[in-house]
Amino acid sequence: MRAQTQTVVTGRQARAMQIPPSVKTLAERSTPAEIRLDIQKLLQQEQLDLAQALGDAGLSLHPKSEDMLGICALLAMSRGDWDESYELLSELQGVQGEQTPATTYWLLARCQRCLGDDNAAASILEDGLFRYPNSAELQAELTLMIKPEL
């Protein structure tokens, strides 16, 4: 008897399978930077579902784009999906490599804090501060972790 393999579909994969054809066509005709700007406009117009669909389409077409990884991580944060946001930000950090800005470290740490892992968050902030010792946002986040607001 052969064992059957099961494929686990993540939320991102499931959403990608449901992208409306018109949104996919728009994404195919646009650069990652144009898609990011369109998503920002859709968010300003509070068209969250369309922004998410465009983000999913753009990410499926440009999986290593800094624009797509960054905006899709922010979309995940806005939905409170900290696991997906952390995954996308980690991919972004891999693409950015040695050029990873302080903001990426800050966002990664924020995801870990929201997931309840303060130790991982502190470690990320320390890594970021090693690279950017004068970063006010990293220092403020670490200070907030050490001395939470009362």
Protein backbone atom coordinates (compact mmCIF):
# COMPACT_ATOMS: atom_id res chain seq x y z
CA MET A 1 0.00 0.00 0.00
CA ARG A 2 1.44 3.38 -1.02
CA ALA A 3 1.32 6.27 1.33
CA GLN A 4 -0.37 9.31 -0.11
CA THR A 5 1.43 12.59 0.16
CA GLN A 6 -0.56 15.59 1.24
CA THR A 7 0.20 19.10 0.17
CA VAL A 8 -0.34 21.75 2.79
CA VAL A 9 -1.58 25.01 1.32
CA THR A 10 -0.69 28.16 3.25
CA GLY A 11 -2.96 31.20 3.43
CA ARG A 12 -0.78 33.00 0.92
CA GLN A 13 -0.95 30.08 -1.53
CA ALA A 14 -4.72 29.77 -1.12
CA ARG A 15 -5.19 33.49 -1.77
CA ALA A 16 -2.91 33.29 -4.83
CA MET A 17 -5.16 30.60 -6.32
CA GLN A 18 -8.16 32.95 -5.98
CA ILE A 19 -6.72 36.06 -7.64
CA PRO A 20 -9.26 37.55 -10.07
CA PRO A 21 -8.02 37.42 -13.70
CA SER A 22 -8.28 41.22 -14.07
CA VAL A 23 -6.00 41.74 -11.07
CA LYS A 24 -3.50 39.18 -12.36
CA THR A 25 -3.48 40.95 -15.77
CA LEU A 26 -2.85 44.31 -14.09
CA ALA A 27 0.04 42.84 -12.11
CA GLU A 28 1.52 41.23 -15.23
CA ARG A 29 1.57 44.63 -16.98
CA SER A 30 3.19 46.46 -14.06
CA THR A 31 6.58 46.65 -12.44
CA PRO A 32 6.90 45.74 -8.75
CA ALA A 33 7.27 49.45 -7.88
CA GLU A 34 4.07 50.28 -9.80
CA ILE A 35 2.22 47.46 -8.05
CA ARG A 36 3.42 48.75 -4.67
CA LEU A 37 2.16 52.25 -5.49
CA ASP A 38 -1.19 50.86 -6.67
CA ILE A 39 -1.52 48.90 -3.42
CA GLN A 40 -0.79 52.04 -1.42
CA LYS A 41 -3.54 53.90 -3.33
CA LEU A 42 -5.98 51.04 -2.76
CA LEU A 43 -5.21 51.10 0.97
CA GLN A 44 -5.87 54.85 1.08
CA GLN A 45 -9.24 54.14 -0.57
CA GLU A 46 -9.86 51.36 2.00
CA GLN A 47 -10.10 48.72 -0.72
CA LEU A 48 -8.33 46.13 1.41
CA ASP A 49 -9.43 42.98 -0.45
CA LEU A 50 -8.35 44.38 -3.80
CA ALA A 51 -5.03 45.57 -2.31
CA GLN A 52 -4.44 42.07 -0.92
CA ALA A 53 -5.31 40.42 -4.25
CA LEU A 54 -2.93 42.74 -6.10
CA GLY A 55 -0.22 42.05 -3.52
CA ASP A 56 -0.68 38.30 -3.90
CA ALA A 57 -0.57 38.60 -7.69
CA GLY A 58 2.51 40.79 -7.61
CA LEU A 59 4.29 38.51 -5.17
CA SER A 60 3.53 35.44 -7.29
CA LEU A 61 5.07 37.20 -10.31
CA HIS A 62 7.99 38.84 -8.47
CA PRO A 63 8.79 36.65 -5.44
CA LYS A 64 12.22 38.21 -4.83
CA SER A 65 11.23 41.85 -5.31
CA GLU A 66 11.97 44.11 -2.36
CA ASP A 67 8.91 46.19 -3.26
CA MET A 68 6.60 43.19 -3.25
CA LEU A 69 8.05 41.53 -0.15
CA GLY A 70 7.91 44.78 1.81
CA ILE A 71 4.37 45.82 0.89
CA CYS A 72 3.01 42.29 1.30
CA ALA A 73 4.63 42.05 4.75
CA LEU A 74 2.87 45.29 5.68
CA LEU A 75 -0.42 43.94 4.32
CA ALA A 76 0.03 40.85 6.50
CA MET A 77 0.72 43.07 9.51
CA SER A 78 -2.45 45.04 8.83
CA ARG A 79 -4.38 41.75 8.95
CA GLY A 80 -2.61 40.75 12.16
CA ASP A 81 -0.97 37.80 10.42
CA TRP A 82 2.35 38.04 12.22
CA ASP A 83 3.62 34.65 11.02
CA GLU A 84 3.20 35.57 7.36
CA SER A 85 4.61 39.04 7.92
CA TYR A 86 7.67 37.60 9.66
CA GLU A 87 8.14 35.08 6.84
CA LEU A 88 7.96 37.80 4.17
CA LEU A 89 10.27 40.12 6.11
CA SER A 90 12.77 37.29 6.54
CA GLU A 91 12.69 36.74 2.78
CA LEU A 92 13.13 40.49 2.31
CA GLN A 93 16.14 40.46 4.62
CA GLY A 94 17.60 37.63 2.55
CA VAL A 95 17.20 39.69 -0.62
CA GLN A 96 18.58 42.84 1.01
CA GLY A 97 21.59 40.98 2.44
CA GLU A 98 24.27 43.31 3.75
CA GLN A 99 22.12 46.29 2.75
CA THR A 100 19.29 45.40 5.16
CA PRO A 101 18.09 48.71 6.62
CA ALA A 102 17.31 49.32 10.29
CA THR A 103 13.59 49.42 9.50
CA THR A 104 13.60 45.78 8.39
CA TYR A 105 15.18 44.77 11.71
CA TRP A 106 12.61 46.85 13.57
CA LEU A 107 9.70 45.25 11.68
CA LEU A 108 11.09 41.74 12.21
CA ALA A 109 11.41 42.43 15.94
CA ARG A 110 7.90 43.86 16.07
CA CYS A 111 6.54 40.67 14.49
CA GLN A 112 8.33 38.55 17.08
CA ARG A 113 6.96 40.69 19.89
CA CYS A 114 3.44 40.32 18.51
CA LEU A 115 4.01 36.56 18.30
CA GLY A 116 4.98 36.65 21.99
CA ASP A 117 8.68 35.87 21.57
CA ASP A 118 10.44 38.76 23.28
CA ASN A 119 13.75 36.88 23.34
CA ALA A 120 13.75 36.55 19.54
CA ALA A 121 12.70 40.20 19.23
CA ALA A 122 15.54 41.35 21.50
CA SER A 123 18.04 39.27 19.53
CA ILE A 124 16.88 40.83 16.25
CA LEU A 125 17.11 44.32 17.74
CA GLU A 126 20.63 43.61 19.03
CA ASP A 127 21.67 42.41 15.56
CA GLY A 128 20.20 45.57 14.06
CA LEU A 129 21.91 47.79 16.63
CA PHE A 130 25.22 46.08 15.91
CA ARG A 131 24.85 47.23 12.27
CA TYR A 132 23.14 50.55 13.07
CA PRO A 133 24.27 51.65 16.55
CA ASN A 134 22.72 55.12 16.12
CA SER A 135 19.29 53.91 14.99
CA ALA A 136 16.71 55.73 17.09
CA GLU A 137 13.91 53.32 16.11
CA LEU A 138 15.90 50.23 17.14
CA GLN A 139 17.06 51.83 20.38
CA ALA A 140 13.52 52.97 21.21
CA GLU A 141 12.07 49.51 20.58
CA LEU A 142 14.69 47.82 22.75
CA THR A 143 14.15 50.40 25.50
CA LEU A 144 10.40 49.81 25.31
CA MET A 145 11.01 46.09 25.78
CA ILE A 146 13.25 46.69 28.80
CA LYS A 147 11.07 49.43 30.35
CA PRO A 148 7.52 48.99 29.09
CA GLU A 149 5.21 51.98 29.28
CA LEU A 150 3.20 52.10 32.48
